[in-house]
Amino acid sequence: MMGLEATAGNPIRKKRKNKNEVKAYSLLGFPLAWWTLFFVLAFFSALIFSFTNVSLKSLATGSEIKFTLDNYKNLFDVNWKNYDQNFWDSLGVTMTWTFAMAIGNNIMGLLCAFLISQLKHGRRFFLALLFWPSLVSGVVGSDVTQLVFGSGNNSLANKLVMAFGGEPIQWLTDEKTALLSIMIMPFFFGFCTKMLIYYSSIIAIPNMYKEAALLETKSKFKIFFTVTFPLMKNALILNLLLSIIDGFKILGPMQLVTKGGYGTQSTMLYIYKTAFEDGKFGRACAYATILFAIILIFTFIQRKISGQEVDDIE
């Protein structure tokens, strides 16, 4: 019997291996098809449309769709009659938002992760408690922002200002304060996912490093910045990349709170308006392509500066 298994061992193992591979590819088939349909095909379709004059009007009337470079001239040729400065203004708003959120969310996430890791009891409770804001939808968050920073005297922010003898402020209808007002809530409560990634990285570091550092100093903060933090490089890179990508895709707060007015129009909101309000699909696809390229550039720069690939979270 053993001789028979030994004789037929290799073919049987090979057959089983092939069956396992077929099962694996079968299970991967649906997500790969979904990804191909809604990302790959969508991306290349948008890229092709960006070189055309396709619009809602042309689709409704069946007008001829022509290839043109006008959509990109609108962005890069200052002397072009239809030069679009609004896109670059919206990009400035998006970059301001991205920078602020990347700094605020990562600092808050890192601080909370470090403090929770120092607890002997109740770690899971505080992780769950601080992760709770991420479960709140963007619509609810926007409603809370309007409640706190509404322009009326009954808004919470104006009540606080008047309590100290100040005059009511038009928080959401003044270009000086509108963007800042819609940034405050996400700035302080958008750290949840970052916190979990940092916490996972901290607890994954072998204790022998910390024990060796204790021979030199008893300061937990000094140990953190000299031993723990350098070993969290991959988690830091990952969170910064996620912050950059999320920041450039921001749409909800501007659309729901200020409708993009008063200097709060993000690039994604401007692309949405160009496509579905102005009906200029080709131009919107060109803007989306440029935004995609900018995100790639920032991503490559970040990974180049880091000096290593983000393969896992240490």
Protein backbone atom coordinates (compact mmCIF):
# COMPACT_ATOMS: atom_id res chain seq x y z
CA MET A 1 0.00 0.00 0.00
CA MET A 2 2.79 2.38 0.94
CA GLY A 3 4.62 1.42 -2.23
CA LEU A 4 1.55 2.27 -4.29
CA GLU A 5 1.25 5.72 -2.62
CA ALA A 6 4.94 6.36 -3.14
CA THR A 7 4.66 5.38 -6.81
CA ALA A 8 1.63 7.54 -7.47
CA GLY A 9 2.56 10.27 -4.97
CA ASN A 10 3.83 12.93 -7.35
CA PRO A 11 0.94 12.76 -9.86
CA ILE A 12 -1.62 12.86 -7.03
CA ARG A 13 0.04 15.85 -5.38
CA LYS A 14 0.29 17.61 -8.72
CA LYS A 15 -3.39 16.94 -9.44
CA ARG A 16 -4.41 18.22 -6.02
CA LYS A 17 -2.26 21.31 -6.48
CA ASN A 18 -3.87 22.03 -9.83
CA LYS A 19 -7.33 21.64 -8.31
CA ASN A 20 -6.44 24.05 -5.51
CA GLU A 21 -5.16 26.58 -8.02
CA VAL A 22 -8.35 26.27 -10.07
CA LYS A 23 -10.42 26.85 -6.92
CA ALA A 24 -8.30 29.86 -5.99
CA TYR A 25 -8.62 31.42 -9.45
CA SER A 26 -12.35 30.71 -9.41
CA LEU A 27 -12.75 32.54 -6.11
CA LEU A 28 -10.63 35.44 -7.40
CA GLY A 29 -12.55 35.57 -10.66
CA PHE A 30 -15.48 37.66 -9.41
CA PRO A 31 -13.47 40.39 -7.63
CA LEU A 32 -11.06 40.55 -10.59
CA ALA A 33 -13.96 40.91 -13.02
CA TRP A 34 -15.51 43.57 -10.80
CA TRP A 35 -12.19 45.43 -10.57
CA THR A 36 -11.66 45.19 -14.33
CA LEU A 37 -15.15 46.49 -15.10
CA PHE A 38 -15.38 49.33 -12.60
CA PHE A 39 -11.75 50.43 -12.47
CA VAL A 40 -9.66 49.35 -15.46
CA LEU A 41 -12.35 49.86 -18.12
CA ALA A 42 -13.69 52.95 -16.38
CA PHE A 43 -10.22 54.46 -16.14
CA PHE A 44 -9.31 53.92 -19.78
CA SER A 45 -12.75 55.05 -20.92
CA ALA A 46 -12.33 58.28 -18.95
CA LEU A 47 -8.85 58.71 -20.40
CA ILE A 48 -10.22 58.39 -23.95
CA PHE A 49 -13.17 60.71 -23.19
CA SER A 50 -10.74 63.33 -21.87
CA PHE A 51 -9.57 63.84 -25.48
CA THR A 52 -13.10 64.38 -26.80
CA ASN A 53 -15.83 67.02 -26.66
CA VAL A 54 -18.41 64.56 -25.30
CA SER A 55 -21.11 66.25 -23.21
CA LEU A 56 -24.66 65.72 -21.97
CA LYS A 57 -25.92 67.75 -24.92
CA SER A 58 -24.03 65.70 -27.50
CA LEU A 59 -25.25 62.46 -25.94
CA ALA A 60 -28.86 63.69 -25.87
CA THR A 61 -28.89 65.01 -29.43
CA GLY A 62 -26.64 62.36 -30.95
CA SER A 63 -24.16 64.99 -32.11
CA GLU A 64 -20.82 63.93 -33.51
CA ILE A 65 -18.12 63.40 -30.90
CA LYS A 66 -14.76 64.80 -31.97
CA PHE A 67 -11.25 64.28 -30.62
CA THR A 68 -9.69 67.46 -29.30
CA LEU A 69 -6.96 68.77 -26.99
CA ASP A 70 -9.09 71.68 -25.77
CA ASN A 71 -9.79 70.01 -22.42
CA TYR A 72 -6.10 70.07 -21.55
CA LYS A 73 -5.54 73.51 -23.08
CA ASN A 74 -8.13 74.73 -20.57
CA LEU A 75 -5.68 73.78 -17.82
CA PHE A 76 -2.19 74.46 -19.11
CA ASP A 77 -2.44 77.22 -21.71
CA VAL A 78 -2.80 80.51 -19.85
CA ASN A 79 -3.37 82.38 -23.10
CA TRP A 80 -6.17 80.01 -24.15
CA LYS A 81 -9.53 81.75 -24.38
CA ASN A 82 -11.17 79.14 -22.14
CA TYR A 83 -8.34 78.85 -19.61
CA ASP A 84 -9.85 77.43 -16.40
CA GLN A 85 -8.37 79.03 -13.30
CA ASN A 86 -11.15 77.53 -11.16
CA PHE A 87 -9.58 74.08 -11.42
CA TRP A 88 -6.29 75.29 -9.96
CA ASP A 89 -8.12 77.20 -7.24
CA SER A 90 -10.00 74.02 -6.31
CA LEU A 91 -6.71 72.12 -6.33
CA GLY A 92 -5.29 74.64 -3.86
CA VAL A 93 -8.26 74.01 -1.55
CA THR A 94 -7.76 70.25 -1.90
CA MET A 95 -4.05 70.45 -1.09
CA THR A 96 -4.74 72.63 1.95
CA TRP A 97 -7.28 70.08 3.18
CA THR A 98 -4.93 67.15 2.47
CA PHE A 99 -1.99 68.72 4.30
CA ALA A 100 -4.07 69.65 7.35
CA MET A 101 -5.75 66.24 7.60
CA ALA A 102 -2.49 64.35 7.07
CA ILE A 103 -0.84 66.25 9.91
CA GLY A 104 -3.79 66.33 12.31
CA ASN A 105 -5.10 62.80 11.83
CA ASN A 106 -1.68 61.17 12.03
CA ILE A 107 -0.59 63.08 15.11
CA MET A 108 -3.87 62.34 16.89
CA GLY A 109 -3.80 58.71 15.77
CA LEU A 110 -0.20 58.20 16.86
CA LEU A 111 -0.76 59.89 20.23
CA CYS A 112 -3.88 57.85 21.02
CA ALA A 113 -2.22 54.61 19.91
CA PHE A 114 0.79 55.28 22.15
CA LEU A 115 -1.32 56.17 25.20
CA ILE A 116 -3.57 53.12 24.79
CA SER A 117 -0.54 50.84 24.41
CA GLN A 118 0.67 52.02 27.83
CA LEU A 119 -2.52 50.90 29.57
CA LYS A 120 -2.51 47.67 31.55
CA HIS A 121 -6.28 47.32 31.45
CA GLY A 122 -9.07 48.60 29.21
CA ARG A 123 -7.17 48.71 25.91
CA ARG A 124 -10.01 47.17 23.91
CA PHE A 125 -12.55 49.49 25.49
CA PHE A 126 -10.65 52.64 24.55
CA LEU A 127 -9.85 51.33 21.07
CA ALA A 128 -13.55 50.70 20.48
CA LEU A 129 -14.53 54.04 22.01
CA LEU A 130 -12.08 56.07 19.91
CA PHE A 131 -12.88 54.11 16.78
CA TRP A 132 -16.58 54.89 17.13
CA PRO A 133 -16.47 58.28 15.27
CA SER A 134 -15.45 56.46 12.07
CA LEU A 135 -18.85 54.72 12.09
CA VAL A 136 -20.65 58.06 11.78
CA SER A 137 -21.66 58.79 8.19
CA GLY A 138 -20.45 61.85 6.31
CA VAL A 139 -24.01 63.20 6.19
CA VAL A 140 -24.30 63.13 9.98
CA GLY A 141 -20.85 64.69 10.31
CA SER A 142 -21.87 67.50 7.96
CA ASP A 143 -25.06 68.08 9.96
CA VAL A 144 -23.01 68.33 13.14
CA THR A 145 -20.69 70.85 11.46
CA GLN A 146 -23.68 72.98 10.45
CA LEU A 147 -25.08 72.73 13.98
CA VAL A 148 -21.81 73.84 15.55
CA PHE A 149 -20.75 76.47 13.01
CA GLY A 150 -24.07 77.72 11.65
CA SER A 151 -24.12 81.44 10.96
CA GLY A 152 -27.05 82.18 13.26
CA ASN A 153 -26.75 83.33 16.86
CA ASN A 154 -28.05 79.93 18.01
CA SER A 155 -25.05 78.01 16.67
CA LEU A 156 -22.85 76.51 19.36
CA ALA A 157 -19.72 78.31 18.13
CA ASN A 158 -21.43 81.74 18.14
CA LYS A 159 -22.91 81.12 21.58
CA LEU A 160 -19.39 80.48 22.84
CA VAL A 161 -18.07 83.59 21.09
CA MET A 162 -20.84 85.77 22.54
CA ALA A 163 -20.28 84.29 26.00
CA PHE A 164 -16.83 85.89 25.91
CA GLY A 165 -18.20 89.20 24.67
CA GLY A 166 -17.55 88.72 20.96
CA GLU A 167 -19.74 89.32 17.94
CA PRO A 168 -21.36 86.44 15.99
CA ILE A 169 -19.21 85.16 13.13
CA GLN A 170 -20.44 84.03 9.72
CA TRP A 171 -18.46 80.80 9.95
CA LEU A 172 -19.73 79.05 6.82
CA THR A 173 -20.45 82.06 4.62
CA ASP A 174 -17.17 83.95 4.93
CA GLU A 175 -14.20 82.96 2.75
CA LYS A 176 -11.86 83.64 5.67
CA THR A 177 -13.49 81.07 7.95
CA ALA A 178 -15.57 78.70 5.76
CA LEU A 179 -12.82 76.21 4.89
CA LEU A 180 -11.44 76.24 8.42
CA SER A 181 -14.91 75.60 9.84
CA ILE A 182 -15.57 72.47 7.80
CA MET A 183 -12.05 71.18 8.54
CA ILE A 184 -12.30 71.21 12.32
CA MET A 185 -14.53 68.14 12.80
CA PRO A 186 -12.59 65.84 10.41
CA PHE A 187 -9.31 67.19 11.82
CA PHE A 188 -10.07 66.01 15.34
CA PHE A 189 -12.20 62.93 14.61
CA GLY A 190 -10.69 61.50 11.43
CA PHE A 191 -7.83 59.66 13.12
CA CYS A 192 -9.65 56.41 13.95
CA THR A 193 -8.24 54.13 11.24
CA LYS A 194 -4.77 55.64 11.59
CA MET A 195 -4.89 54.94 15.31
CA LEU A 196 -5.62 51.24 14.76
CA ILE A 197 -2.74 50.91 12.27
CA TYR A 198 -0.32 52.65 14.64
CA TYR A 199 -1.53 50.58 17.59
CA SER A 200 -1.04 47.33 15.64
CA SER A 201 2.46 48.45 14.74
CA ILE A 202 3.36 49.35 18.33
CA ILE A 203 2.23 46.07 19.88
CA ALA A 204 4.00 44.09 17.12
CA ILE A 205 7.42 45.45 18.16
CA PRO A 206 9.34 42.82 20.21
CA ASN A 207 9.62 43.73 23.90
CA MET A 208 13.36 43.02 23.92
CA TYR A 209 14.01 46.37 22.21
CA LYS A 210 12.08 48.26 24.87
CA GLU A 211 13.66 46.25 27.67
CA ALA A 212 17.12 47.09 26.34
CA ALA A 213 16.18 50.79 26.18
CA LEU A 214 15.00 50.67 29.80
CA LEU A 215 18.61 50.06 30.82
CA GLU A 216 19.45 53.54 29.53
CA THR A 217 16.36 55.55 30.50
CA LYS A 218 13.06 55.20 32.33
CA SER A 219 11.28 57.83 30.22
CA LYS A 220 8.57 56.15 28.15
CA PHE A 221 8.39 59.10 25.77
CA LYS A 222 12.15 58.98 25.16
CA ILE A 223 11.96 55.23 24.50
CA PHE A 224 9.08 55.83 22.13
CA PHE A 225 10.88 58.43 20.01
CA THR A 226 14.27 56.67 20.00
CA VAL A 227 13.19 53.01 19.71
CA THR A 228 9.50 52.53 18.97
CA PHE A 229 8.91 55.31 16.45
CA PRO A 230 11.78 54.37 14.09
CA LEU A 231 10.48 50.78 14.02
CA MET A 232 7.02 52.05 12.98
CA LYS A 233 8.30 53.41 9.69
CA ASN A 234 6.11 51.20 7.51
CA ALA A 235 2.95 52.11 9.45
CA LEU A 236 3.80 55.80 9.18
CA ILE A 237 4.35 55.56 5.41
CA LEU A 238 1.11 53.63 4.94
CA ASN A 239 -0.92 56.16 6.93
CA LEU A 240 0.60 59.11 5.07
CA LEU A 241 -0.22 57.49 1.73
CA LEU A 242 -3.79 56.84 2.86
CA SER A 243 -4.06 60.44 4.08
CA ILE A 244 -2.86 61.81 0.73
CA ILE A 245 -5.25 59.63 -1.27
CA ASP A 246 -8.22 60.36 1.00
CA GLY A 247 -7.43 64.08 1.02
CA PHE A 248 -7.36 64.42 -2.76
CA LYS A 249 -10.66 62.52 -3.03
CA ILE A 250 -12.51 64.72 -0.53
CA LEU A 251 -16.00 65.69 -1.66
CA GLY A 252 -18.65 65.23 1.04
CA PRO A 253 -18.07 68.12 3.49
CA MET A 254 -17.82 70.72 0.72
CA GLN A 255 -20.86 69.43 -1.12
CA LEU A 256 -23.10 68.95 1.92
CA VAL A 257 -22.18 71.98 4.02
CA THR A 258 -21.20 74.87 1.74
CA LYS A 259 -22.07 73.56 -1.76
CA GLY A 260 -18.52 74.43 -2.73
CA GLY A 261 -19.00 78.15 -2.14
CA TYR A 262 -16.97 80.67 -0.14
CA GLY A 263 -13.61 79.25 -1.15
CA THR A 264 -14.36 75.65 -0.16
CA GLN A 265 -14.68 73.96 -3.56
CA SER A 266 -12.49 70.84 -3.71
CA THR A 267 -11.19 69.38 -6.95
CA MET A 268 -13.49 66.36 -6.76
CA LEU A 269 -16.52 68.60 -6.26
CA TYR A 270 -15.44 70.77 -9.18
CA ILE A 271 -15.09 67.68 -11.39
CA TYR A 272 -18.54 66.52 -10.29
CA LYS A 273 -20.09 69.90 -11.13
CA THR A 274 -18.31 70.04 -14.47
CA ALA A 275 -19.66 66.63 -15.44
CA PHE A 276 -23.19 66.62 -14.04
CA GLU A 277 -24.14 70.28 -13.70
CA ASP A 278 -22.33 71.80 -16.67
CA GLY A 279 -22.67 68.56 -18.65
CA LYS A 280 -19.07 68.64 -19.91
CA PHE A 281 -18.05 65.00 -19.56
CA GLY A 282 -14.92 65.25 -21.68
CA ARG A 283 -13.58 68.17 -19.70
CA ALA A 284 -14.43 66.49 -16.39
CA CYS A 285 -12.56 63.34 -17.50
CA ALA A 286 -9.51 65.47 -18.33
CA TYR A 287 -9.61 67.06 -14.89
CA ALA A 288 -9.99 63.64 -13.26
CA THR A 289 -7.00 62.33 -15.23
CA ILE A 290 -4.85 65.24 -14.06
CA LEU A 291 -5.94 64.66 -10.46
CA PHE A 292 -5.07 60.97 -10.78
CA ALA A 293 -1.61 61.88 -12.09
CA ILE A 294 -1.06 64.33 -9.20
CA ILE A 295 -1.98 61.66 -6.64
CA LEU A 296 0.47 59.24 -8.30
CA ILE A 297 3.24 61.83 -8.20
CA PHE A 298 2.72 62.55 -4.51
CA THR A 299 2.59 58.81 -3.79
CA PHE A 300 5.86 58.12 -5.60
CA ILE A 301 7.56 61.06 -3.90
CA GLN A 302 6.43 59.84 -0.50
CA ARG A 303 7.67 56.31 -1.16
CA LYS A 304 10.96 57.62 -2.56
CA ILE A 305 11.58 59.75 0.51
CA SER A 306 10.77 56.82 2.77
CA GLY A 307 13.55 54.77 1.17
CA GLN A 308 11.64 51.49 1.25
CA GLU A 309 8.47 49.80 0.01
CA VAL A 310 5.40 49.50 2.19
CA ASP A 311 5.03 45.75 2.18
CA ASP A 312 3.59 45.25 5.63
CA ILE A 313 2.96 46.87 8.97
CA GLU A 314 5.69 46.04 11.39
